[in-house]
Amino acid sequence: MRPFFWVAVIVASCAAAGVTLVIGCSDDSTSNGTTTGDGGSTSTSSGGSSSGGSSSGGSSSGGGSSGVTTSSTSSSGSTADAAPDDSKPGKIACGASDCDAGNNATCCLVPGQSTCKSLGAPCDGGHVELCDEAADCMAGDICCWGYFPGPTAHCDTAPCQANRAQACRTTAECDGSLCVEVTCASGSGTVTLRTCGGICN
């Protein structure tokens, strides 16, 4: 039979099956054709081969990326709330009383007891505060913890030495951190301090 008869038969058969067949001609070995079935798959060739596919379920694959970016952030350590601002320039909070900063007075902090003492008086191995915030110091200075020889809060130029806590009564005086109330070891017990970032000394 003539060729166009077979073509008509093939086209009719494809139409009955729900498949559209497109046939093109080329004068070389290069062919161009696209066949689409009811499954949604598509293949194309032109002088080489490339393929991509998509299903009716909504998934797709190809040479590009899906465009989905996933990121996660994790952190370790504890987070504490800022202590309420309680600035008293020239005063050192010492238990139920206040000591006069800069007047040869200190606050002696030992477990279970806080006492105002004169400068140089023994503190039984506790924490000594000559200041407890930047407002107790000269303009531009801050209150830093150090060891002289025991833990002592004193006025110093900013910033505090490495690994030394800054005493504070407000978050505003802390450079990028919170003024936090923290419990620190002292002798055989603990004392409560306020430091920037909740660092113990």
Protein backbone atom coordinates (compact mmCIF):
# COMPACT_ATOMS: atom_id res chain seq x y z
CA MET A 1 0.00 0.00 0.00
CA ARG A 2 1.01 3.62 -0.32
CA PRO A 3 3.06 5.16 2.51
CA PHE A 4 0.51 7.86 3.33
CA PHE A 5 -2.00 5.08 4.09
CA TRP A 6 0.23 3.69 6.85
CA VAL A 7 0.79 7.18 8.17
CA ALA A 8 -2.93 7.70 8.40
CA VAL A 9 -3.33 4.37 10.20
CA ILE A 10 -0.58 5.26 12.72
CA VAL A 11 -2.04 8.72 13.37
CA ALA A 12 -5.51 7.24 13.84
CA SER A 13 -4.16 4.63 16.27
CA CYS A 14 -2.29 7.27 18.28
CA ALA A 15 -5.37 9.47 18.42
CA ALA A 16 -7.44 6.54 19.75
CA ALA A 17 -4.80 6.01 22.47
CA GLY A 18 -4.79 9.70 23.40
CA VAL A 19 -1.27 10.25 22.06
CA THR A 20 -0.37 13.06 19.66
CA LEU A 21 2.43 12.24 17.27
CA VAL A 22 4.24 15.02 15.44
CA ILE A 23 6.53 13.93 12.61
CA GLY A 24 9.04 16.25 11.00
CA CYS A 25 11.48 15.81 8.17
CA SER A 26 15.15 16.65 7.88
CA ASP A 27 17.62 16.45 5.06
CA ASP A 28 20.40 15.30 7.45
CA SER A 29 20.68 12.78 10.23
CA THR A 30 19.52 15.52 12.62
CA SER A 31 15.90 15.13 13.67
CA ASN A 32 13.52 17.33 15.58
CA GLY A 33 10.52 15.82 17.22
CA THR A 34 8.44 16.08 20.32
CA THR A 35 6.26 13.36 21.72
CA THR A 36 3.87 14.05 24.55
CA GLY A 37 1.89 11.37 26.30
CA ASP A 38 -0.88 11.53 28.86
CA GLY A 39 1.72 10.91 31.60
CA GLY A 40 3.12 14.38 30.97
CA SER A 41 6.61 13.24 29.87
CA THR A 42 8.41 15.19 27.18
CA SER A 43 11.52 14.34 25.21
CA THR A 44 13.28 16.49 22.65
CA SER A 45 16.30 15.85 20.46
CA SER A 46 18.15 18.16 18.09
CA GLY A 47 21.61 17.27 16.86
CA GLY A 48 22.28 15.66 20.24
CA SER A 49 20.19 14.62 23.19
CA SER A 50 18.71 16.28 26.25
CA SER A 51 15.95 15.19 28.51
CA GLY A 52 13.77 16.50 31.24
CA GLY A 53 10.56 15.31 32.68
CA SER A 54 7.62 16.22 34.83
CA SER A 55 4.81 14.10 36.17
CA SER A 56 1.22 15.01 36.82
CA GLY A 57 1.94 14.61 40.55
CA GLY A 58 3.82 17.94 40.48
CA SER A 59 7.43 16.77 40.80
CA SER A 60 10.01 17.92 38.30
CA SER A 61 13.64 17.34 37.50
CA GLY A 62 16.07 19.00 35.14
CA GLY A 63 19.52 20.44 34.86
CA GLY A 64 18.77 23.39 37.25
CA SER A 65 18.39 23.50 40.99
CA SER A 66 15.06 23.44 42.80
CA GLY A 67 15.62 26.97 44.15
CA VAL A 68 14.83 25.95 47.73
CA THR A 69 17.22 27.17 50.45
CA THR A 70 17.13 25.66 53.91
CA SER A 71 19.00 27.12 56.85
CA SER A 72 19.05 26.34 60.54
CA THR A 73 20.56 28.09 63.51
CA SER A 74 21.53 26.44 66.72
CA SER A 75 22.97 27.92 69.85
CA SER A 76 24.51 26.52 72.95
CA GLY A 77 24.74 27.87 76.48
CA SER A 78 22.15 29.56 78.62
CA THR A 79 20.34 32.84 78.15
CA ALA A 80 19.52 35.10 81.07
CA ASP A 81 17.23 38.10 81.33
CA ALA A 82 18.66 41.53 82.04
CA ALA A 83 18.51 42.62 85.67
CA PRO A 84 16.31 45.68 86.37
CA ASP A 85 18.19 48.96 86.05
CA ASP A 86 19.13 50.14 89.53
CA SER A 87 21.77 52.83 89.18
CA LYS A 88 22.92 54.67 92.30
CA PRO A 89 25.93 56.80 91.34
CA GLY A 90 28.43 57.03 94.16
CA LYS A 91 26.81 54.17 96.06
CA ILE A 92 27.68 50.48 96.21
CA ALA A 93 24.72 48.17 96.75
CA CYS A 94 25.74 45.96 99.65
CA GLY A 95 22.97 43.69 100.86
CA ALA A 96 20.32 45.76 102.62
CA SER A 97 22.55 48.85 102.78
CA ASP A 98 24.64 51.04 100.47
CA CYS A 99 28.33 51.83 100.85
CA ASP A 100 29.87 55.16 99.80
CA ALA A 101 31.97 54.54 96.70
CA GLY A 102 35.14 56.59 96.46
CA ASN A 103 35.08 57.41 100.19
CA ASN A 104 37.52 54.70 101.31
CA ALA A 105 34.56 52.36 101.74
CA THR A 106 34.07 48.93 100.24
CA CYS A 107 31.40 46.27 100.21
CA CYS A 108 32.61 42.92 101.48
CA LEU A 109 30.62 40.09 99.93
CA VAL A 110 30.90 36.71 101.61
CA PRO A 111 28.41 33.83 101.39
CA GLY A 112 25.32 34.80 103.36
CA GLN A 113 26.58 38.24 104.35
CA SER A 114 27.33 41.67 102.82
CA THR A 115 29.02 44.36 104.92
CA CYS A 116 30.36 47.85 104.31
CA LYS A 117 33.98 48.07 105.43
CA SER A 118 36.76 50.58 105.27
CA LEU A 119 39.26 50.30 102.44
CA GLY A 120 41.90 47.69 103.25
CA ALA A 121 39.88 45.93 105.95
CA PRO A 122 39.97 42.12 105.67
CA CYS A 123 37.08 40.49 103.84
CA ASP A 124 37.66 36.88 104.88
CA GLY A 125 38.39 35.71 101.34
CA GLY A 126 35.18 37.16 99.89
CA HIS A 127 34.49 39.51 96.98
CA VAL A 128 35.39 43.18 97.56
CA GLU A 129 33.61 45.98 95.73
CA LEU A 130 35.10 49.47 95.49
CA CYS A 131 32.45 50.17 92.85
CA ASP A 132 29.54 48.30 91.29
CA GLU A 133 28.88 50.36 88.15
CA ALA A 134 30.52 52.86 85.83
CA ALA A 135 28.66 55.74 87.51
CA ASP A 136 30.80 55.19 90.63
CA CYS A 137 33.95 55.99 88.63
CA MET A 138 35.47 59.02 86.94
CA ALA A 139 34.00 60.00 83.58
CA GLY A 140 35.04 57.52 80.89
CA ASP A 141 36.04 54.77 83.32
CA ILE A 142 34.12 51.60 84.07
CA CYS A 143 33.96 49.20 87.02
CA CYS A 144 35.97 46.02 86.40
CA TRP A 145 36.59 42.90 88.42
CA GLY A 146 40.18 41.86 89.04
CA TYR A 147 42.33 40.18 91.69
CA PHE A 148 44.19 42.22 94.36
CA PRO A 149 44.87 39.48 95.48
CA GLY A 150 41.26 38.33 95.92
CA PRO A 151 38.34 39.21 93.60
CA THR A 152 37.94 42.99 93.70
CA ALA A 153 35.75 45.35 91.67
CA HIS A 154 37.57 48.61 90.94
CA CYS A 155 37.45 51.55 88.53
CA ASP A 156 39.53 51.14 85.38
CA THR A 157 39.74 52.39 81.82
CA ALA A 158 37.54 50.64 79.28
CA PRO A 159 37.50 47.88 78.31
CA CYS A 160 38.13 45.54 81.21
CA GLN A 161 41.12 43.23 80.85
CA ALA A 162 40.64 39.94 79.05
CA ASN A 163 38.56 37.42 81.00
CA ARG A 164 37.60 40.05 83.56
CA ALA A 165 33.95 40.83 84.21
CA GLN A 166 32.53 44.33 84.14
CA ALA A 167 30.37 45.20 87.14
CA CYS A 168 27.14 46.96 86.24
CA ARG A 169 23.79 48.21 87.49
CA THR A 170 22.32 49.02 84.06
CA THR A 171 22.42 47.39 80.63
CA ALA A 172 23.21 50.77 79.05
CA GLU A 173 26.78 50.65 80.40
CA CYS A 174 27.40 47.19 78.90
CA ASP A 175 28.83 47.28 75.41
CA GLY A 176 26.53 45.01 73.41
CA SER A 177 25.55 42.67 76.25
CA LEU A 178 23.03 42.61 79.10
CA CYS A 179 23.60 43.50 82.72
CA VAL A 180 22.83 40.17 84.35
CA GLU A 181 22.49 39.04 87.95
CA VAL A 182 24.70 35.99 88.36
CA THR A 183 25.60 33.62 91.19
CA CYS A 184 29.34 33.08 91.55
CA ALA A 185 31.48 30.87 93.75
CA SER A 186 33.10 32.59 96.72
CA GLY A 187 35.07 30.67 99.31
CA SER A 188 32.95 27.75 100.50
CA GLY A 189 29.71 29.23 99.17
CA THR A 190 28.33 31.66 96.59
CA VAL A 191 27.65 35.37 96.21
CA THR A 192 25.35 37.25 93.86
CA LEU A 193 26.88 39.80 91.47
CA ARG A 194 25.72 41.91 88.55
CA THR A 195 28.01 41.78 85.55
CA CYS A 196 27.83 42.49 81.84
CA GLY A 197 27.06 39.22 80.11
CA GLY A 198 26.72 37.31 83.41
CA ILE A 199 30.45 36.57 83.72
CA CYS A 200 31.80 35.49 87.12
CA ASN A 201 35.09 36.61 88.65
